[in-house]
Amino acid sequence: MESGLLMTVLILIILMRFILWSCFNVYLDYKLAQRFPEKRKDS
């Protein structure tokens, strides 16, 4: 039971880090697009 709990916490931490990183990247892209609208490239 202890091992299962540890795995659940580990998976939750990994998922949270992935979601936060994705949100951070989207926010960064938005801010850069706002700041440099003429330098934006479709990539």
PDB file of N, CA and C in Angstrom:
ATOM      1  N   MET A   1       0.842  -1.207   0.000  1.00  0.00           N
ATOM      2  CA  MET A   1       0.000   0.000   0.000  1.00  0.00           C
ATOM      3  C   MET A   1       0.877   1.256   0.000  1.00  0.00           C
ATOM      4  N   GLU A   2       1.946   1.221   0.751  1.00  0.00           N
ATOM      5  CA  GLU A   2       2.863   2.362   0.818  1.00  0.00           C
ATOM      6  C   GLU A   2       3.476   2.645  -0.556  1.00  0.00           C
ATOM      7  N   SER A   3       3.834   1.564  -1.251  1.00  0.00           N
ATOM      8  CA  SER A   3       4.436   1.705  -2.581  1.00  0.00           C
ATOM      9  C   SER A   3       3.430   2.316  -3.561  1.00  0.00           C
ATOM     10  N   GLY A   4       2.175   1.877  -3.482  1.00  0.00           N
ATOM     11  CA  GLY A   4       1.144   2.398  -4.380  1.00  0.00           C
ATOM     12  C   GLY A   4       0.911   3.882  -4.146  1.00  0.00           C
ATOM     13  N   LEU A   5       0.912   4.288  -2.880  1.00  0.00           N
ATOM     14  CA  LEU A   5       0.710   5.699  -2.542  1.00  0.00           C
ATOM     15  C   LEU A   5       1.858   6.550  -3.091  1.00  0.00           C
ATOM     16  N   LEU A   6       3.077   6.036  -2.957  1.00  0.00           N
ATOM     17  CA  LEU A   6       4.251   6.750  -3.447  1.00  0.00           C
ATOM     18  C   LEU A   6       4.180   6.932  -4.965  1.00  0.00           C
ATOM     19  N   MET A   7       3.786   5.885  -5.661  1.00  0.00           N
ATOM     20  CA  MET A   7       3.662   5.964  -7.114  1.00  0.00           C
ATOM     21  C   MET A   7       2.602   6.975  -7.525  1.00  0.00           C
ATOM     22  N   THR A   8       1.472   7.003  -6.803  1.00  0.00           N
ATOM     23  CA  THR A   8       0.394   7.946  -7.106  1.00  0.00           C
ATOM     24  C   THR A   8       0.870   9.379  -6.940  1.00  0.00           C
ATOM     25  N   VAL A   9       1.584   9.644  -5.852  1.00  0.00           N
ATOM     26  CA  VAL A   9       2.105  10.996  -5.605  1.00  0.00           C
ATOM     27  C   VAL A   9       3.101  11.375  -6.693  1.00  0.00           C
ATOM     28  N   LEU A  10       3.960  10.440  -7.074  1.00  0.00           N
ATOM     29  CA  LEU A  10       4.961  10.700  -8.105  1.00  0.00           C
ATOM     30  C   LEU A  10       4.296  11.037  -9.442  1.00  0.00           C
ATOM     31  N   ILE A  11       3.279  10.271  -9.810  1.00  0.00           N
ATOM     32  CA  ILE A  11       2.555  10.517 -11.059  1.00  0.00           C
ATOM     33  C   ILE A  11       1.859  11.877 -11.017  1.00  0.00           C
ATOM     34  N   LEU A  12       1.259  12.218  -9.880  1.00  0.00           N
ATOM     35  CA  LEU A  12       0.596  13.513  -9.748  1.00  0.00           C
ATOM     36  C   LEU A  12       1.588  14.659  -9.905  1.00  0.00           C
ATOM     37  N   ILE A  13       2.757  14.532  -9.304  1.00  0.00           N
ATOM     38  CA  ILE A  13       3.785  15.575  -9.408  1.00  0.00           C
ATOM     39  C   ILE A  13       4.229  15.737 -10.859  1.00  0.00           C
ATOM     40  N   ILE A  14       4.447  14.624 -11.551  1.00  0.00           N
ATOM     41  CA  ILE A  14       4.866  14.680 -12.954  1.00  0.00           C
ATOM     42  C   ILE A  14       3.781  15.332 -13.810  1.00  0.00           C
ATOM     43  N   LEU A  15       2.521  14.965 -13.580  1.00  0.00           N
ATOM     44  CA  LEU A  15       1.426  15.548 -14.337  1.00  0.00           C
ATOM     45  C   LEU A  15       1.312  17.045 -14.077  1.00  0.00           C
ATOM     46  N   MET A  16       1.419  17.452 -12.817  1.00  0.00           N
ATOM     47  CA  MET A  16       1.331  18.866 -12.471  1.00  0.00           C
ATOM     48  C   MET A  16       2.457  19.658 -13.121  1.00  0.00           C
ATOM     49  N   ARG A  17       3.675  19.102 -13.097  1.00  0.00           N
ATOM     50  CA  ARG A  17       4.814  19.784 -13.722  1.00  0.00           C
ATOM     51  C   ARG A  17       4.578  19.929 -15.223  1.00  0.00           C
ATOM     52  N   PHE A  18       4.047  18.902 -15.866  1.00  0.00           N
ATOM     53  CA  PHE A  18       3.783  18.953 -17.302  1.00  0.00           C
ATOM     54  C   PHE A  18       2.736  20.012 -17.626  1.00  0.00           C
ATOM     55  N   ILE A  19       1.648  20.053 -16.839  1.00  0.00           N
ATOM     56  CA  ILE A  19       0.576  21.030 -17.063  1.00  0.00           C
ATOM     57  C   ILE A  19       1.087  22.445 -16.822  1.00  0.00           C
ATOM     58  N   LEU A  20       1.820  22.657 -15.737  1.00  0.00           N
ATOM     59  CA  LEU A  20       2.351  23.989 -15.438  1.00  0.00           C
ATOM     60  C   LEU A  20       3.330  24.441 -16.518  1.00  0.00           C
ATOM     61  N   TRP A  21       4.177  23.530 -16.989  1.00  0.00           N
ATOM     62  CA  TRP A  21       5.148  23.870 -18.030  1.00  0.00           C
ATOM     63  C   TRP A  21       4.424  24.253 -19.325  1.00  0.00           C
ATOM     64  N   SER A  22       3.351  23.513 -19.671  1.00  0.00           N
ATOM     65  CA  SER A  22       2.578  23.813 -20.872  1.00  0.00           C
ATOM     66  C   SER A  22       1.931  25.189 -20.759  1.00  0.00           C
ATOM     67  N   CYS A  23       1.319  25.471 -19.595  1.00  0.00           N
ATOM     68  CA  CYS A  23       0.681  26.769 -19.379  1.00  0.00           C
ATOM     69  C   CYS A  23       1.719  27.886 -19.441  1.00  0.00           C
ATOM     70  N   PHE A  24       2.894  27.645 -18.868  1.00  0.00           N
ATOM     71  CA  PHE A  24       3.959  28.651 -18.873  1.00  0.00           C
ATOM     72  C   PHE A  24       4.417  28.941 -20.301  1.00  0.00           C
ATOM     73  N   ASN A  25       4.557  27.903 -21.116  1.00  0.00           N
ATOM     74  CA  ASN A  25       4.974  28.089 -22.509  1.00  0.00           C
ATOM     75  C   ASN A  25       3.929  28.868 -23.300  1.00  0.00           C
ATOM     76  N   VAL A  26       2.654  28.560 -23.093  1.00  0.00           N
ATOM     77  CA  VAL A  26       1.583  29.278 -23.778  1.00  0.00           C
ATOM     78  C   VAL A  26       1.590  30.744 -23.365  1.00  0.00           C
ATOM     79  N   TYR A  27       1.768  31.002 -22.074  1.00  0.00           N
ATOM     80  CA  TYR A  27       1.811  32.373 -21.566  1.00  0.00           C
ATOM     81  C   TYR A  27       2.999  33.141 -22.147  1.00  0.00           C
ATOM     82  N   LEU A  28       4.151  32.455 -22.211  1.00  0.00           N
ATOM     83  CA  LEU A  28       5.357  33.077 -22.747  1.00  0.00           C
ATOM     84  C   LEU A  28       5.172  33.409 -24.232  1.00  0.00           C
ATOM     85  N   ASP A  29       4.585  32.475 -24.987  1.00  0.00           N
ATOM     86  CA  ASP A  29       4.317  32.719 -26.404  1.00  0.00           C
ATOM     87  C   ASP A  29       3.382  33.905 -26.572  1.00  0.00           C
ATOM     88  N   TYR A  30       2.367  34.004 -25.715  1.00  0.00           N
ATOM     89  CA  TYR A  30       1.415  35.102 -25.784  1.00  0.00           C
ATOM     90  C   TYR A  30       2.097  36.440 -25.507  1.00  0.00           C
ATOM     91  N   LYS A  31       2.933  36.477 -24.469  1.00  0.00           N
ATOM     92  CA  LYS A  31       3.629  37.711 -24.117  1.00  0.00           C
ATOM     93  C   LYS A  31       4.605  38.131 -25.212  1.00  0.00           C
ATOM     94  N   LEU A  32       5.305  37.172 -25.798  1.00  0.00           N
ATOM     95  CA  LEU A  32       6.250  37.481 -26.869  1.00  0.00           C
ATOM     96  C   LEU A  32       5.508  37.967 -28.110  1.00  0.00           C
ATOM     97  N   ALA A  33       4.365  37.379 -28.397  1.00  0.00           N
ATOM     98  CA  ALA A  33       3.569  37.805 -29.550  1.00  0.00           C
ATOM     99  C   ALA A  33       3.037  39.218 -29.319  1.00  0.00           C
ATOM    100  N   GLN A  34       2.695  39.541 -28.086  1.00  0.00           N
ATOM    101  CA  GLN A  34       2.217  40.883 -27.761  1.00  0.00           C
ATOM    102  C   GLN A  34       3.347  41.903 -27.893  1.00  0.00           C
ATOM    103  N   ARG A  35       4.531  41.518 -27.458  1.00  0.00           N
ATOM    104  CA  ARG A  35       5.662  42.435 -27.449  1.00  0.00           C
ATOM    105  C   ARG A  35       6.286  42.614 -28.836  1.00  0.00           C
ATOM    106  N   PHE A  36       6.388  41.515 -29.581  1.00  0.00           N
ATOM    107  CA  PHE A  36       6.997  41.577 -30.916  1.00  0.00           C
ATOM    108  C   PHE A  36       6.038  41.047 -31.980  1.00  0.00           C
ATOM    109  N   PRO A  37       5.000  41.810 -32.314  1.00  0.00           N
ATOM    110  CA  PRO A  37       4.032  41.306 -33.296  1.00  0.00           C
ATOM    111  C   PRO A  37       4.613  41.194 -34.705  1.00  0.00           C
ATOM    112  N   GLU A  38       5.599  42.044 -35.024  1.00  0.00           N
ATOM    113  CA  GLU A  38       6.166  42.034 -36.368  1.00  0.00           C
ATOM    114  C   GLU A  38       7.191  40.934 -36.565  1.00  0.00           C
ATOM    115  N   LYS A  39       7.744  40.416 -35.453  1.00  0.00           N
ATOM    116  CA  LYS A  39       8.774  39.382 -35.559  1.00  0.00           C
ATOM    117  C   LYS A  39       8.205  37.966 -35.427  1.00  0.00           C
ATOM    118  N   ARG A  40       6.864  37.881 -35.311  1.00  0.00           N
ATOM    119  CA  ARG A  40       6.266  36.566 -35.128  1.00  0.00           C
ATOM    120  C   ARG A  40       6.332  35.765 -36.431  1.00  0.00           C
ATOM    121  N   LYS A  41       6.727  34.508 -36.311  1.00  0.00           N
ATOM    122  CA  LYS A  41       6.822  33.643 -37.477  1.00  0.00           C
ATOM    123  C   LYS A  41       6.000  32.379 -37.234  1.00  0.00           C
ATOM    124  N   ASP A  42       5.388  31.878 -38.282  1.00  0.00           N
ATOM    125  CA  ASP A  42       4.632  30.636 -38.170  1.00  0.00           C
ATOM    126  C   ASP A  42       5.611  29.463 -38.218  1.00  0.00           C
ATOM    127  N   SER A  43       5.749  28.784 -37.099  1.00  0.00           N
ATOM    128  CA  SER A  43       6.682  27.668 -37.053  1.00  0.00           C
ATOM    129  C   SER A  43       6.081  26.507 -36.304  1.00  0.00           C
TER     130      SER A  43
END
